[in-house]
C-alpha cells in the first residue's frame, strides 16, 4: 500500500518542517542545512539528497518558490504564503499532539 505524501494530507515531515521553517528567510541549500543544524544544536541534520528531494516536493506543492539563481549557480528559495500558513497549521497540530501526550503521561491531568 502506497504511503500518502505528507504534504497532501496537510502534515509536514520533520524534514519538511525544518526546511520550511528555515525558508522564512531566503536561503540556498547549504545555508538551509547549516541553519537547521544551528537551530537544533546539531540534533537534526539533513543530507543534500534528502534536502533537494524535499525541496522539489515543496516547490511542486507551492509551499516555497525559487528566487533568481545566483551567479555561482546557487538556487535560493523562500517560503510562500501558502507554505507559511501550512507551517503555522502544523505547529498547532504538533502542540496538540504534545498536549495529548502530556495528558496521558501525567495520568489524565490537564495542564
N, C-alpha and C. Protein backbone atom coordinates (compact mmCIF):
# COMPACT_ATOMS: atom_id res chain seq x y z
N UNK A 1 0.84 -1.17 0.00
CA UNK A 1 0.00 0.00 0.00
C UNK A 1 0.89 1.24 0.00
N UNK A 2 0.59 2.16 -0.91
CA UNK A 2 1.41 3.36 -1.03
C UNK A 2 1.15 4.31 0.13
N UNK A 3 2.20 4.92 0.59
CA UNK A 3 2.10 5.88 1.68
C UNK A 3 1.65 7.22 1.13
N UNK A 4 0.69 7.87 1.80
CA UNK A 4 0.26 9.20 1.37
C UNK A 4 1.39 10.18 1.56
N UNK A 5 1.52 11.08 0.60
CA UNK A 5 2.52 12.13 0.76
C UNK A 5 2.04 13.07 1.85
N UNK A 6 2.90 13.38 2.79
CA UNK A 6 2.53 14.20 3.94
C UNK A 6 1.99 15.56 3.53
N UNK A 7 2.52 16.14 2.47
CA UNK A 7 2.03 17.45 2.03
C UNK A 7 0.59 17.37 1.56
N UNK A 8 0.20 16.24 0.97
CA UNK A 8 -1.18 16.09 0.50
C UNK A 8 -2.15 16.04 1.66
N UNK A 9 -1.71 15.54 2.80
CA UNK A 9 -2.59 15.44 3.97
C UNK A 9 -2.51 16.69 4.85
N UNK A 10 -1.66 17.64 4.48
CA UNK A 10 -1.54 18.87 5.24
C UNK A 10 -0.65 18.74 6.46
N UNK A 11 0.15 17.70 6.49
CA UNK A 11 1.09 17.50 7.60
C UNK A 11 2.51 17.53 7.05
N UNK A 12 3.40 18.04 7.85
CA UNK A 12 4.80 18.13 7.45
C UNK A 12 5.62 17.05 8.13
N UNK A 13 6.52 16.43 7.38
CA UNK A 13 7.51 15.56 7.99
C UNK A 13 8.47 16.46 8.74
N UNK A 14 9.30 15.89 9.59
CA UNK A 14 10.29 16.70 10.31
C UNK A 14 11.21 17.41 9.32
N UNK A 15 11.61 16.72 8.26
CA UNK A 15 12.48 17.33 7.25
C UNK A 15 11.80 18.51 6.58
N UNK A 16 10.56 18.33 6.14
CA UNK A 16 9.81 19.42 5.51
C UNK A 16 9.60 20.57 6.49
N UNK A 17 9.30 20.24 7.73
CA UNK A 17 9.07 21.25 8.77
C UNK A 17 10.30 22.15 8.91
N UNK A 18 11.47 21.54 9.09
CA UNK A 18 12.68 22.33 9.30
C UNK A 18 13.11 23.10 8.06
N UNK A 19 12.92 22.52 6.88
CA UNK A 19 13.26 23.25 5.66
C UNK A 19 12.34 24.46 5.50
N UNK A 20 11.04 24.24 5.68
CA UNK A 20 10.09 25.35 5.55
C UNK A 20 10.36 26.42 6.61
N UNK A 21 10.66 26.00 7.82
CA UNK A 21 10.99 26.95 8.88
C UNK A 21 12.24 27.75 8.52
N UNK A 22 13.22 27.10 7.93
CA UNK A 22 14.45 27.78 7.52
C UNK A 22 14.20 28.79 6.40
N UNK A 23 13.14 28.53 5.62
CA UNK A 23 12.88 29.38 4.47
C UNK A 23 11.90 30.51 4.76
N UNK A 24 11.72 30.82 6.04
CA UNK A 24 11.01 32.05 6.39
C UNK A 24 11.84 33.21 5.85
N UNK A 25 13.15 33.00 5.80
CA UNK A 25 14.08 33.93 5.14
C UNK A 25 14.67 33.22 3.94
N UNK A 26 14.97 33.95 2.89
CA UNK A 26 15.54 33.37 1.68
C UNK A 26 16.91 32.74 1.98
N UNK A 27 17.08 31.50 1.51
CA UNK A 27 18.36 30.80 1.70
C UNK A 27 18.58 29.83 0.54
N UNK A 28 19.85 29.54 0.29
CA UNK A 28 20.18 28.47 -0.66
C UNK A 28 20.46 27.20 0.13
N UNK A 29 20.62 26.10 -0.59
CA UNK A 29 20.72 24.77 0.02
C UNK A 29 21.69 24.63 1.18
N UNK A 30 22.91 25.06 0.98
CA UNK A 30 23.91 24.91 2.04
C UNK A 30 23.50 25.68 3.29
N UNK A 31 22.97 26.89 3.10
CA UNK A 31 22.54 27.69 4.25
C UNK A 31 21.33 27.08 4.95
N UNK A 32 20.48 26.40 4.20
CA UNK A 32 19.34 25.70 4.81
C UNK A 32 19.86 24.63 5.75
N UNK A 33 20.79 23.81 5.26
CA UNK A 33 21.35 22.73 6.08
C UNK A 33 22.05 23.29 7.32
N UNK A 34 22.84 24.34 7.16
CA UNK A 34 23.56 24.92 8.30
C UNK A 34 22.58 25.54 9.29
N UNK A 35 21.54 26.20 8.80
CA UNK A 35 20.55 26.81 9.69
C UNK A 35 19.86 25.74 10.54
N UNK A 36 19.50 24.64 9.93
CA UNK A 36 18.83 23.57 10.67
C UNK A 36 19.75 23.00 11.74
N UNK A 37 21.01 22.78 11.39
CA UNK A 37 21.96 22.26 12.37
C UNK A 37 22.15 23.23 13.54
N UNK A 38 22.25 24.52 13.23
CA UNK A 38 22.42 25.52 14.29
C UNK A 38 21.17 25.63 15.15
N UNK A 39 20.01 25.64 14.50
CA UNK A 39 18.73 25.75 15.21
C UNK A 39 18.52 24.60 16.19
N UNK A 40 18.94 23.41 15.79
CA UNK A 40 18.70 22.21 16.61
C UNK A 40 19.94 21.78 17.40
N UNK A 41 20.95 22.61 17.46
CA UNK A 41 22.20 22.24 18.14
C UNK A 41 22.75 20.91 17.64
N UNK A 42 22.72 20.72 16.34
CA UNK A 42 23.21 19.52 15.66
C UNK A 42 22.45 18.25 16.02
N UNK A 43 21.26 18.37 16.59
CA UNK A 43 20.46 17.19 16.91
C UNK A 43 19.66 16.70 15.72
N UNK A 44 19.50 17.54 14.71
CA UNK A 44 18.78 17.17 13.50
C UNK A 44 19.57 17.70 12.32
N UNK A 45 19.86 16.85 11.38
CA UNK A 45 20.57 17.30 10.18
C UNK A 45 19.95 16.64 8.96
N UNK A 46 20.08 17.29 7.85
CA UNK A 46 19.50 16.81 6.60
C UNK A 46 20.63 16.74 5.58
N UNK A 47 20.75 15.59 4.93
CA UNK A 47 21.74 15.44 3.88
C UNK A 47 21.26 16.07 2.59
N UNK A 48 22.18 16.33 1.67
CA UNK A 48 21.83 17.00 0.41
C UNK A 48 20.75 16.26 -0.40
N UNK A 49 20.84 14.96 -0.51
CA UNK A 49 19.86 14.21 -1.33
C UNK A 49 18.46 14.35 -0.75
N UNK A 50 18.34 14.17 0.55
CA UNK A 50 17.05 14.30 1.21
C UNK A 50 16.53 15.73 1.12
N UNK A 51 17.42 16.68 1.29
CA UNK A 51 17.01 18.08 1.25
C UNK A 51 16.48 18.46 -0.12
N UNK A 52 17.22 18.10 -1.18
CA UNK A 52 16.78 18.52 -2.52
C UNK A 52 15.55 17.76 -2.98
N UNK A 53 15.37 16.53 -2.54
CA UNK A 53 14.12 15.81 -2.83
C UNK A 53 12.95 16.52 -2.17
N UNK A 54 13.13 16.92 -0.92
CA UNK A 54 12.07 17.62 -0.19
C UNK A 54 11.82 18.99 -0.79
N UNK A 55 12.86 19.69 -1.19
CA UNK A 55 12.69 21.00 -1.83
C UNK A 55 11.86 20.86 -3.10
N UNK A 56 12.12 19.83 -3.91
CA UNK A 56 11.34 19.61 -5.13
C UNK A 56 9.87 19.42 -4.79
N UNK A 57 9.58 18.66 -3.73
CA UNK A 57 8.19 18.42 -3.32
C UNK A 57 7.55 19.72 -2.83
N UNK A 58 8.28 20.50 -2.05
CA UNK A 58 7.75 21.77 -1.55
C UNK A 58 7.51 22.76 -2.69
N UNK A 59 8.39 22.77 -3.67
CA UNK A 59 8.21 23.62 -4.85
C UNK A 59 6.95 23.21 -5.62
N UNK A 60 6.83 21.90 -5.88
CA UNK A 60 5.69 21.39 -6.64
C UNK A 60 4.37 21.66 -5.94
N UNK A 61 4.39 21.67 -4.61
CA UNK A 61 3.17 21.90 -3.82
C UNK A 61 2.89 23.39 -3.62
N UNK A 62 3.79 24.25 -4.08
CA UNK A 62 3.59 25.69 -3.94
C UNK A 62 3.90 26.23 -2.56
N UNK A 63 4.62 25.45 -1.75
CA UNK A 63 4.95 25.87 -0.38
C UNK A 63 6.17 26.78 -0.33
N UNK A 64 7.04 26.64 -1.33
CA UNK A 64 8.21 27.51 -1.45
C UNK A 64 8.33 27.93 -2.90
N UNK A 65 9.13 28.95 -3.13
CA UNK A 65 9.42 29.35 -4.51
C UNK A 65 10.90 29.61 -4.64
N UNK A 66 11.38 29.42 -5.86
CA UNK A 66 12.79 29.69 -6.13
C UNK A 66 12.93 31.14 -6.55
N UNK A 67 13.88 31.80 -5.94
CA UNK A 67 14.20 33.17 -6.34
C UNK A 67 15.23 33.09 -7.46
N UNK A 68 15.66 34.20 -7.96
CA UNK A 68 16.64 34.21 -9.05
C UNK A 68 17.88 33.42 -8.67
N UNK A 69 18.39 32.67 -9.63
CA UNK A 69 19.61 31.88 -9.39
C UNK A 69 20.79 32.83 -9.28
N UNK A 70 21.63 32.59 -8.29
CA UNK A 70 22.79 33.45 -8.07
C UNK A 70 23.87 33.17 -9.11
N UNK A 71 24.81 34.09 -9.23
CA UNK A 71 25.87 33.98 -10.23
C UNK A 71 26.68 32.69 -10.07
N UNK A 72 26.81 32.20 -8.84
CA UNK A 72 27.60 30.98 -8.62
C UNK A 72 26.73 29.72 -8.74
N UNK A 73 25.57 29.83 -9.36
CA UNK A 73 24.64 28.73 -9.65
C UNK A 73 23.87 28.24 -8.43
N UNK A 74 24.00 28.92 -7.31
CA UNK A 74 23.23 28.54 -6.13
C UNK A 74 21.79 28.96 -6.32
N UNK A 75 20.88 28.06 -6.00
CA UNK A 75 19.46 28.36 -6.09
C UNK A 75 18.96 28.78 -4.71
N UNK A 76 18.31 29.91 -4.67
CA UNK A 76 17.81 30.45 -3.41
C UNK A 76 16.30 30.28 -3.38
N UNK A 77 15.79 29.88 -2.22
CA UNK A 77 14.37 29.60 -2.05
C UNK A 77 13.81 30.42 -0.89
N UNK A 78 12.48 30.61 -0.90
CA UNK A 78 11.80 31.27 0.20
C UNK A 78 10.40 30.67 0.32
N UNK A 79 9.87 30.65 1.53
CA UNK A 79 8.52 30.13 1.76
C UNK A 79 7.49 31.07 1.16
N UNK A 80 6.43 30.50 0.61
CA UNK A 80 5.31 31.28 0.09
C UNK A 80 4.31 31.50 1.23
N UNK A 81 3.29 32.30 0.98
CA UNK A 81 2.22 32.50 1.96
C UNK A 81 1.57 31.16 2.28
N UNK A 82 1.34 30.36 1.26
CA UNK A 82 0.74 29.03 1.45
C UNK A 82 1.64 28.16 2.33
N UNK A 83 2.94 28.23 2.12
CA UNK A 83 3.89 27.47 2.93
C UNK A 83 3.90 27.92 4.37
N UNK A 84 3.86 29.23 4.58
CA UNK A 84 3.85 29.77 5.95
C UNK A 84 2.55 29.40 6.67
N UNK A 85 1.43 29.43 5.93
CA UNK A 85 0.15 29.02 6.53
C UNK A 85 0.19 27.56 6.95
N UNK A 86 0.76 26.70 6.10
CA UNK A 86 0.87 25.28 6.45
C UNK A 86 1.81 25.09 7.63
N UNK A 87 2.88 25.84 7.69
CA UNK A 87 3.82 25.76 8.81
C UNK A 87 3.12 26.11 10.12
N UNK A 88 2.35 27.18 10.11
CA UNK A 88 1.60 27.58 11.32
C UNK A 88 0.59 26.50 11.72
N UNK A 89 -0.11 25.95 10.74
CA UNK A 89 -1.09 24.89 11.00
C UNK A 89 -0.40 23.65 11.59
N UNK A 90 0.76 23.32 11.04
CA UNK A 90 1.49 22.14 11.52
C UNK A 90 2.03 22.36 12.93
N UNK A 91 2.42 23.58 13.26
CA UNK A 91 2.88 23.89 14.63
C UNK A 91 1.72 23.65 15.60
N UNK A 92 0.52 24.11 15.24
CA UNK A 92 -0.65 23.90 16.10
C UNK A 92 -0.93 22.40 16.27
N UNK A 93 -0.81 21.65 15.17
CA UNK A 93 -1.03 20.20 15.23
C UNK A 93 -0.03 19.54 16.16
N UNK A 94 1.23 19.93 16.06
CA UNK A 94 2.27 19.35 16.90
C UNK A 94 2.07 19.73 18.37
N UNK A 95 1.65 20.97 18.62
CA UNK A 95 1.38 21.39 20.01
C UNK A 95 0.24 20.57 20.61
N UNK A 96 -0.79 20.27 19.81
CA UNK A 96 -1.91 19.46 20.28
C UNK A 96 -1.44 18.03 20.58
N UNK A 97 -0.57 17.50 19.74
CA UNK A 97 -0.02 16.17 19.98
C UNK A 97 0.72 16.13 21.32
N UNK A 98 1.49 17.17 21.59
CA UNK A 98 2.24 17.24 22.85
C UNK A 98 1.28 17.32 24.03
N UNK A 99 0.21 18.10 23.90
CA UNK A 99 -0.79 18.18 24.97
C UNK A 99 -1.41 16.82 25.24
N UNK A 100 -1.74 16.09 24.18
CA UNK A 100 -2.31 14.75 24.35
C UNK A 100 -1.33 13.83 25.07
N UNK A 101 -0.09 13.88 24.67
CA UNK A 101 0.93 13.03 25.29
C UNK A 101 1.10 13.37 26.77
N UNK A 102 1.12 14.65 27.09
CA UNK A 102 1.26 15.06 28.49
C UNK A 102 0.07 14.61 29.32
N UNK A 103 -1.12 14.70 28.75
CA UNK A 103 -2.32 14.24 29.45
C UNK A 103 -2.20 12.78 29.82
N UNK A 104 -1.80 11.98 28.86
CA UNK A 104 -1.71 10.54 29.10
C UNK A 104 -0.57 10.21 30.06
N UNK A 105 0.58 10.82 29.85
CA UNK A 105 1.73 10.52 30.69
C UNK A 105 1.57 11.05 32.11
N UNK A 106 0.75 12.08 32.29
CA UNK A 106 0.50 12.63 33.61
C UNK A 106 -0.77 12.06 34.24
N UNK A 107 -1.22 10.94 33.73
CA UNK A 107 -2.39 10.27 34.31
C UNK A 107 -3.69 10.98 34.04
N UNK A 108 -3.79 11.64 32.91
CA UNK A 108 -5.05 12.28 32.54
C UNK A 108 -5.22 13.68 33.09
N UNK A 109 -4.20 14.20 33.77
CA UNK A 109 -4.29 15.54 34.34
C UNK A 109 -3.99 16.56 33.25
N UNK A 110 -4.91 17.52 33.04
CA UNK A 110 -4.69 18.57 32.05
C UNK A 110 -3.81 19.66 32.65
N UNK A 111 -2.97 20.22 31.80
CA UNK A 111 -2.11 21.32 32.25
C UNK A 111 -2.71 22.63 31.84
